N, C-alpha and C. Protein backbone atom coordinates (compact mmCIF):
# COMPACT_ATOMS: atom_id res chain seq x y z
N UNK A 1 107.54 90.82 85.11
CA UNK A 1 106.19 91.43 85.18
C UNK A 1 105.46 90.33 86.06
N UNK A 2 105.99 88.93 86.08
CA UNK A 2 105.37 87.87 86.75
C UNK A 2 105.40 88.25 88.37
N UNK A 3 106.40 88.78 88.77
CA UNK A 3 106.42 89.00 90.37
C UNK A 3 106.26 90.55 90.71
N UNK A 4 105.67 91.25 89.78
CA UNK A 4 105.67 92.74 90.17
C UNK A 4 104.89 93.05 91.30
N UNK A 5 103.62 92.38 91.43
CA UNK A 5 103.01 92.37 92.49
C UNK A 5 103.39 92.14 93.90
N UNK A 6 104.50 91.43 94.08
CA UNK A 6 105.24 91.07 95.15
C UNK A 6 106.59 91.98 95.36
N UNK A 7 107.10 92.22 94.17
CA UNK A 7 108.48 93.11 94.32
C UNK A 7 108.08 94.59 94.46
N UNK A 8 107.27 94.95 93.72
CA UNK A 8 107.26 96.44 93.64
C UNK A 8 106.63 97.07 94.97
N UNK A 9 105.95 96.53 95.58
CA UNK A 9 105.44 97.02 97.01
C UNK A 9 106.88 97.02 97.87
N UNK A 10 107.61 95.97 97.88
CA UNK A 10 108.80 96.18 98.67
C UNK A 10 109.59 97.37 98.20
N UNK A 11 109.83 97.34 96.96
CA UNK A 11 110.63 98.55 96.59
C UNK A 11 110.15 100.01 96.72
N UNK A 12 108.71 100.03 96.86
CA UNK A 12 108.11 101.30 97.22
C UNK A 12 108.49 101.56 98.66
N UNK A 13 108.43 100.71 99.51
CA UNK A 13 108.72 100.81 100.88
C UNK A 13 110.26 101.11 101.25
N UNK A 14 111.00 100.30 100.30
CA UNK A 14 112.42 100.46 100.69
C UNK A 14 112.99 101.88 100.04
N UNK A 15 112.20 102.36 99.25
CA UNK A 15 112.57 103.91 98.79
C UNK A 15 112.55 104.64 100.08
N UNK A 16 112.11 104.33 101.26
CA UNK A 16 112.06 104.96 102.42
C UNK A 16 113.01 104.59 103.56
N UNK A 17 113.72 103.71 102.90
CA UNK A 17 114.96 103.23 103.71
C UNK A 17 116.23 104.34 104.08
N UNK A 18 116.39 104.67 105.20
CA UNK A 18 117.33 105.83 105.45
C UNK A 18 118.81 105.45 105.06
N UNK A 19 119.14 104.34 104.70
CA UNK A 19 120.51 104.17 104.15
C UNK A 19 120.37 104.50 102.71
N UNK A 20 121.22 105.28 102.36
CA UNK A 20 121.35 105.65 100.81
C UNK A 20 121.66 104.74 100.07
N UNK A 21 122.40 103.85 99.99
CA UNK A 21 122.80 102.76 99.07
C UNK A 21 121.58 101.89 98.90
N UNK A 22 121.10 101.45 100.12
CA UNK A 22 119.89 100.62 99.94
C UNK A 22 118.69 101.44 99.13
N UNK A 23 118.50 102.63 99.68
CA UNK A 23 117.41 103.34 98.89
C UNK A 23 117.75 103.47 97.40
N UNK A 24 118.89 103.83 97.14
CA UNK A 24 119.28 103.94 95.67
C UNK A 24 119.16 102.66 94.85
N UNK A 25 119.47 101.60 95.31
CA UNK A 25 119.11 100.31 94.75
C UNK A 25 117.66 99.98 94.33
N UNK A 26 116.96 100.20 95.35
CA UNK A 26 115.46 99.91 95.37
C UNK A 26 114.85 101.21 94.27
N UNK A 27 115.31 102.15 94.23
CA UNK A 27 114.84 103.36 93.53
C UNK A 27 115.08 102.83 92.08
N UNK A 28 116.15 102.39 91.69
CA UNK A 28 116.53 101.91 90.51
C UNK A 28 115.61 100.76 90.08
N UNK A 29 115.16 99.85 90.79
CA UNK A 29 114.14 98.89 90.51
C UNK A 29 112.87 99.49 90.36
N UNK A 30 112.71 100.51 91.25
CA UNK A 30 111.32 101.10 91.09
C UNK A 30 111.37 101.72 89.68
N UNK A 31 112.14 102.58 89.16
CA UNK A 31 112.27 103.39 88.17
C UNK A 31 112.13 102.49 86.95
N UNK A 32 112.93 101.36 86.87
CA UNK A 32 112.81 100.51 85.81
C UNK A 32 111.66 99.73 85.33
N UNK A 33 110.84 99.50 86.67
CA UNK A 33 109.49 98.46 86.47
C UNK A 33 108.21 99.41 86.52
N UNK A 34 108.34 100.64 86.61
CA UNK A 34 107.10 101.53 86.90
C UNK A 34 107.20 102.58 85.93
N UNK A 35 105.90 102.99 85.43
CA UNK A 35 105.92 104.33 84.62
C UNK A 35 105.88 105.58 85.42
N UNK A 36 106.80 105.60 86.44
CA UNK A 36 106.93 106.73 87.43
C UNK A 36 106.22 106.59 88.78
N UNK A 37 106.51 107.60 89.50
CA UNK A 37 106.10 107.29 91.02
C UNK A 37 104.72 107.25 91.18
N UNK A 38 103.81 108.27 90.47
CA UNK A 38 102.49 108.30 90.78
C UNK A 38 101.67 107.34 90.06
N UNK A 39 102.04 107.03 88.91
CA UNK A 39 101.59 105.95 88.03
C UNK A 39 101.95 104.59 88.63
N UNK A 40 103.16 104.41 88.99
CA UNK A 40 103.40 102.91 89.57
C UNK A 40 102.76 102.81 90.68
N UNK A 41 102.51 103.81 91.65
CA UNK A 41 101.83 103.62 92.98
C UNK A 41 100.50 103.36 92.67
N UNK A 42 99.78 103.99 91.57
CA UNK A 42 98.40 103.64 91.19
C UNK A 42 98.17 102.25 90.90
N UNK A 43 99.27 101.63 89.98
CA UNK A 43 99.16 100.28 89.77
C UNK A 43 99.22 99.26 90.93
N UNK A 44 100.02 99.75 91.86
CA UNK A 44 100.14 98.67 93.13
C UNK A 44 99.61 99.04 94.33
N UNK A 45 98.56 99.96 94.33
CA UNK A 45 98.22 100.69 95.60
C UNK A 45 97.78 99.86 96.65
N UNK A 46 96.98 98.82 96.26
CA UNK A 46 96.37 97.89 97.21
C UNK A 46 97.54 97.00 97.94
N UNK A 47 98.47 96.41 96.98
CA UNK A 47 99.54 95.94 97.56
C UNK A 47 100.61 96.74 98.55
N UNK A 48 100.71 97.67 98.04
CA UNK A 48 101.64 98.80 98.82
C UNK A 48 101.04 99.09 100.30
N UNK A 49 99.86 99.45 100.33
CA UNK A 49 99.26 99.61 101.55
C UNK A 49 98.97 98.58 102.25
N UNK A 50 98.62 97.40 101.68
CA UNK A 50 98.57 96.11 102.52
C UNK A 50 99.86 95.72 103.16
N UNK A 51 101.05 95.87 102.34
CA UNK A 51 102.27 95.40 103.05
C UNK A 51 102.69 96.43 103.93
N UNK A 52 102.42 97.81 103.80
CA UNK A 52 102.71 98.90 104.81
C UNK A 52 102.10 98.37 106.21
N UNK A 53 100.83 98.12 106.05
CA UNK A 53 99.99 97.67 107.42
C UNK A 53 100.50 96.36 107.93
N UNK A 54 100.96 95.51 106.99
CA UNK A 54 101.53 94.22 107.41
C UNK A 54 102.75 94.50 108.37
N UNK A 55 103.64 95.29 107.58
CA UNK A 55 105.05 95.53 108.20
C UNK A 55 104.95 96.17 109.53
N UNK A 56 103.88 97.06 109.59
CA UNK A 56 103.79 97.84 110.87
C UNK A 56 103.62 96.75 112.13
N UNK A 57 103.11 95.54 111.75
CA UNK A 57 102.77 94.80 113.04
C UNK A 57 104.16 94.05 113.16
N UNK A 58 105.26 94.43 112.75
CA UNK A 58 106.70 93.78 113.14
C UNK A 58 107.06 94.41 114.56
N UNK A 59 107.79 93.43 115.06
CA UNK A 59 108.41 93.89 116.33
C UNK A 59 109.35 94.94 116.31
N UNK A 60 110.11 94.90 114.92
CA UNK A 60 111.08 95.93 114.59
C UNK A 60 110.60 97.28 114.53
N UNK A 61 111.25 98.37 115.32
CA UNK A 61 110.91 99.67 115.44
C UNK A 61 111.21 100.24 114.04
N UNK A 62 112.51 99.83 113.41
CA UNK A 62 113.03 100.30 112.27
C UNK A 62 112.14 100.11 111.10
N UNK A 63 111.32 98.87 111.11
CA UNK A 63 110.26 98.53 110.11
C UNK A 63 109.16 99.22 110.42
N UNK A 64 108.61 99.30 111.51
CA UNK A 64 107.40 100.37 111.90
C UNK A 64 107.61 101.52 111.30
N UNK A 65 108.70 102.28 111.50
CA UNK A 65 109.06 103.77 111.11
C UNK A 65 109.13 103.73 109.57
N UNK A 66 109.63 102.77 108.94
CA UNK A 66 109.63 102.79 107.51
C UNK A 66 108.25 102.49 106.88
N UNK A 67 107.49 101.64 107.42
CA UNK A 67 106.16 101.31 106.84
C UNK A 67 105.32 102.48 107.18
N UNK A 68 105.36 103.03 108.19
CA UNK A 68 104.52 104.34 108.34
C UNK A 68 104.92 105.50 107.43
N UNK A 69 106.30 105.72 107.38
CA UNK A 69 106.71 106.72 106.44
C UNK A 69 106.32 106.26 104.96
N UNK A 70 106.32 105.12 104.49
CA UNK A 70 105.88 104.79 103.18
C UNK A 70 104.59 104.95 103.04
N UNK A 71 103.80 104.49 104.13
CA UNK A 71 102.25 104.53 103.91
C UNK A 71 101.72 106.10 103.90
N UNK A 72 102.35 106.90 104.63
CA UNK A 72 102.10 108.36 104.69
C UNK A 72 102.44 108.86 103.14
N UNK A 73 103.41 108.61 102.51
CA UNK A 73 103.89 108.81 101.16
C UNK A 73 102.93 108.35 100.13
N UNK A 74 102.53 107.22 100.44
CA UNK A 74 101.47 106.45 99.32
C UNK A 74 100.13 107.16 99.45
N UNK A 75 99.64 107.64 100.80
CA UNK A 75 98.49 108.19 101.10
C UNK A 75 98.53 109.53 100.35
N UNK A 76 99.53 110.34 100.62
CA UNK A 76 99.66 111.64 100.01
C UNK A 76 99.58 111.65 98.37
N UNK A 77 100.40 110.59 97.95
CA UNK A 77 100.51 110.76 96.50
C UNK A 77 98.99 110.01 95.82
N UNK A 78 98.59 109.08 96.40
CA UNK A 78 97.26 108.60 95.98
C UNK A 78 96.07 109.64 95.92
N UNK A 79 96.09 110.36 97.17
CA UNK A 79 95.10 111.50 97.22
C UNK A 79 95.41 112.66 96.27
N UNK A 80 96.66 113.07 95.95
CA UNK A 80 96.85 113.99 95.04
C UNK A 80 96.48 113.73 93.85
N UNK A 81 96.76 112.37 93.29
CA UNK A 81 96.36 111.95 92.07
C UNK A 81 95.00 111.55 91.90
N UNK A 82 94.26 111.64 92.98
CA UNK A 82 92.74 111.48 93.13
C UNK A 82 92.36 110.04 92.64
N UNK A 83 93.44 109.07 93.27
CA UNK A 83 93.21 107.66 92.70
C UNK A 83 91.91 107.35 93.53
N UNK A 84 90.74 106.74 92.82
CA UNK A 84 89.58 106.32 93.66
C UNK A 84 89.64 104.98 94.26
N UNK A 85 90.76 104.46 94.39
CA UNK A 85 90.83 103.22 95.09
C UNK A 85 91.36 103.42 96.48
N UNK A 86 91.88 104.67 96.58
CA UNK A 86 92.19 104.90 98.07
C UNK A 86 91.27 105.08 99.08
N UNK A 87 90.07 105.34 98.74
CA UNK A 87 88.84 105.62 99.46
C UNK A 87 88.57 104.21 100.33
N UNK A 88 88.88 103.05 99.63
CA UNK A 88 88.49 101.69 100.37
C UNK A 88 89.54 101.51 101.30
N UNK A 89 90.69 102.01 101.42
CA UNK A 89 91.76 101.64 102.42
C UNK A 89 91.72 102.71 103.47
N UNK A 90 91.21 103.95 103.31
CA UNK A 90 91.28 104.76 104.32
C UNK A 90 90.82 104.36 105.62
N UNK A 91 89.74 103.55 105.93
CA UNK A 91 89.43 103.22 107.28
C UNK A 91 90.29 102.37 107.84
N UNK A 92 90.99 101.48 107.08
CA UNK A 92 92.34 100.64 107.74
C UNK A 92 93.29 101.53 108.07
N UNK A 93 93.70 102.52 107.45
CA UNK A 93 94.82 103.47 107.69
C UNK A 93 94.31 104.30 108.97
N UNK A 94 93.20 104.76 108.93
CA UNK A 94 92.64 105.38 110.23
C UNK A 94 92.76 104.56 111.41
N UNK A 95 92.36 103.47 111.42
CA UNK A 95 92.24 102.38 112.20
C UNK A 95 93.68 102.08 112.96
N UNK A 96 94.67 102.02 111.92
CA UNK A 96 96.12 101.70 112.24
C UNK A 96 96.64 102.97 113.06
N UNK A 97 96.34 104.10 112.39
CA UNK A 97 96.93 105.28 113.07
C UNK A 97 96.33 105.54 114.38
N UNK A 98 95.14 105.30 114.70
CA UNK A 98 94.34 105.78 115.88
C UNK A 98 94.94 104.61 116.96
N UNK A 99 95.15 103.39 116.58
CA UNK A 99 95.55 102.36 117.41
C UNK A 99 96.86 102.40 117.79
N UNK A 100 97.69 102.93 116.87
CA UNK A 100 99.15 102.94 117.19
C UNK A 100 99.40 104.26 117.96
N UNK A 101 98.66 105.33 117.93
CA UNK A 101 98.89 106.58 118.69
C UNK A 101 98.32 106.23 120.17
N UNK A 102 97.30 105.67 120.33
CA UNK A 102 96.64 105.19 121.58
C UNK A 102 97.59 104.35 122.41
N UNK A 103 98.26 103.54 121.62
CA UNK A 103 98.92 102.39 122.31
C UNK A 103 100.10 103.21 123.20
N UNK A 104 100.05 102.89 124.51
CA UNK A 104 100.95 103.39 125.38
C UNK A 104 102.45 103.39 125.32
N UNK A 105 102.73 102.23 124.43
CA UNK A 105 104.14 101.75 124.42
C UNK A 105 105.01 102.64 123.57
N UNK A 106 105.98 103.12 123.93
CA UNK A 106 106.82 104.09 123.30
C UNK A 106 107.69 103.12 122.53
N UNK A 107 108.05 103.67 121.21
CA UNK A 107 109.02 103.12 120.45
C UNK A 107 109.67 104.42 119.78
N UNK A 108 111.02 104.21 119.41
CA UNK A 108 111.84 104.93 118.66
C UNK A 108 111.15 105.53 117.43
N UNK A 109 111.02 106.91 117.05
CA UNK A 109 110.53 107.52 116.10
C UNK A 109 109.10 107.39 115.87
N UNK A 110 108.25 106.94 116.94
CA UNK A 110 106.94 106.90 116.99
C UNK A 110 106.25 108.05 116.37
N UNK A 111 106.86 109.36 116.51
CA UNK A 111 106.60 110.56 115.95
C UNK A 111 106.11 110.54 114.60
N UNK A 112 106.54 109.56 113.74
CA UNK A 112 106.20 109.57 112.42
C UNK A 112 104.68 109.32 111.97
N UNK A 113 104.13 108.95 112.91
CA UNK A 113 102.56 108.78 113.18
C UNK A 113 101.86 109.96 112.88
N UNK A 114 102.59 111.07 113.44
CA UNK A 114 101.95 112.47 113.44
C UNK A 114 101.94 112.81 111.88
N UNK A 115 102.87 112.57 111.03
CA UNK A 115 102.77 112.83 109.64
C UNK A 115 101.65 112.16 109.00
N UNK A 116 101.45 110.81 109.35
CA UNK A 116 100.40 110.21 108.58
C UNK A 116 99.03 110.66 109.27
N UNK A 117 98.90 111.12 110.53
CA UNK A 117 97.71 111.73 110.90
C UNK A 117 97.45 112.93 110.21
N UNK A 118 98.46 113.75 110.10
CA UNK A 118 98.25 114.87 109.20
C UNK A 118 97.88 114.81 107.70
N UNK A 119 98.55 113.89 107.37
CA UNK A 119 97.96 113.64 105.80
C UNK A 119 96.67 113.02 105.73
N UNK A 120 96.18 112.33 106.74
CA UNK A 120 94.64 111.69 106.92
C UNK A 120 93.81 113.14 106.82
N UNK A 121 94.36 113.91 107.77
CA UNK A 121 93.43 115.21 108.03
C UNK A 121 93.55 116.18 106.64
N UNK A 122 94.68 116.20 106.19
CA UNK A 122 94.83 116.94 104.86
C UNK A 122 94.01 116.38 103.65
N UNK A 123 94.11 115.20 103.50
CA UNK A 123 93.76 114.62 102.14
C UNK A 123 92.46 113.61 102.31
N UNK A 124 92.24 113.28 103.69
CA UNK A 124 90.94 112.54 103.73
C UNK A 124 89.86 112.89 104.72
N UNK A 125 89.88 114.40 104.85
CA UNK A 125 89.20 114.91 106.13
C UNK A 125 87.68 114.42 106.00
N UNK A 126 87.22 114.35 104.88
CA UNK A 126 85.83 113.98 104.44
C UNK A 126 85.28 112.66 105.02
N UNK A 127 86.37 111.75 105.15
CA UNK A 127 86.30 110.35 105.62
C UNK A 127 86.45 110.13 107.12
N UNK A 128 86.88 111.40 107.78
CA UNK A 128 87.19 111.41 109.34
C UNK A 128 85.87 111.94 110.02
N UNK A 129 85.21 111.15 110.74
CA UNK A 129 84.16 111.44 111.38
C UNK A 129 84.72 112.38 112.82
N UNK A 130 83.68 113.20 113.34
CA UNK A 130 84.10 114.03 114.13
C UNK A 130 84.73 113.36 115.36
N UNK A 131 84.24 112.23 115.88
CA UNK A 131 84.74 111.47 116.93
C UNK A 131 85.92 110.99 116.61
N UNK A 132 86.39 110.61 115.55
CA UNK A 132 87.63 109.83 115.15
C UNK A 132 88.74 111.07 115.00
N UNK A 133 88.28 112.19 114.50
CA UNK A 133 89.29 113.32 114.57
C UNK A 133 89.58 113.81 116.08
N UNK A 134 88.56 113.69 116.96
CA UNK A 134 88.89 114.23 118.15
C UNK A 134 89.82 113.15 118.88
N UNK A 135 89.52 111.88 118.63
CA UNK A 135 90.44 110.78 119.11
C UNK A 135 91.89 110.81 118.70
N UNK A 136 91.88 111.21 117.32
CA UNK A 136 93.35 111.25 116.82
C UNK A 136 94.11 112.41 117.59
N UNK A 137 93.22 113.48 117.40
CA UNK A 137 94.13 114.85 118.13
C UNK A 137 94.36 114.45 119.76
N UNK A 138 93.52 113.88 120.13
CA UNK A 138 93.73 113.74 121.91
C UNK A 138 94.90 112.80 122.04
N UNK A 139 94.91 111.69 121.20
CA UNK A 139 95.98 110.62 121.37
C UNK A 139 97.34 111.39 121.03
N UNK A 140 97.25 112.31 120.02
CA UNK A 140 98.55 112.93 119.76
C UNK A 140 99.02 113.85 120.97
N UNK A 141 98.03 114.61 121.56
CA UNK A 141 98.16 115.65 122.49
C UNK A 141 98.62 114.63 123.82
N UNK A 142 97.85 113.66 124.07
CA UNK A 142 98.56 112.70 125.29
C UNK A 142 99.96 112.29 125.03
N UNK A 143 100.22 111.94 123.93
CA UNK A 143 101.73 111.37 123.58
C UNK A 143 102.67 112.32 123.72
N UNK A 144 102.39 113.57 123.38
CA UNK A 144 103.59 114.70 123.47
C UNK A 144 103.50 115.32 124.73
N UNK A 145 102.36 115.18 125.49
CA UNK A 145 102.16 115.69 126.76
C UNK A 145 102.97 114.67 127.86
N UNK A 146 103.32 113.61 127.45
CA UNK A 146 104.03 112.48 128.51
C UNK A 146 105.33 113.21 128.89
N UNK A 147 105.53 113.19 130.13
CA UNK A 147 106.95 113.76 130.68
C UNK A 147 108.15 112.92 129.86
N UNK A 148 109.18 113.46 129.40
CA UNK A 148 110.33 112.76 129.10
C UNK A 148 110.37 112.78 127.47
N UNK A 149 109.14 113.43 126.90
CA UNK A 149 109.10 113.24 125.49
C UNK A 149 109.51 114.51 124.89
């Protein structure tokens, strides 16, 4: 219990590791230490979102992809469970999504940002201003319209 706020956000993100053995080990940790996926995320929402956003700053494209995949999952679960604390994190998630989509630098699996943008539109549309919605859509359109992608 002493290190739960440090360990369990790592475990949540590691649940999105493509390596089955790694994922299984962290899934066991998550299941042993939380009262289920939604309730566990509810307990550590701030820490999970904070770690996902921090990990996205990594130069590793593998970590970028895993952090965005975990962030999209956390956003979806928190929205479906109507977690009131999600609202305070949405502006940071919008900023990260828009900045990453508008960045011209290509990285492997950058398209995972589309799922995050889709979750924002689906679950947090009331917090997306018209100009922000337009900017996200234009950034996605620009990305997919690039030759060779």
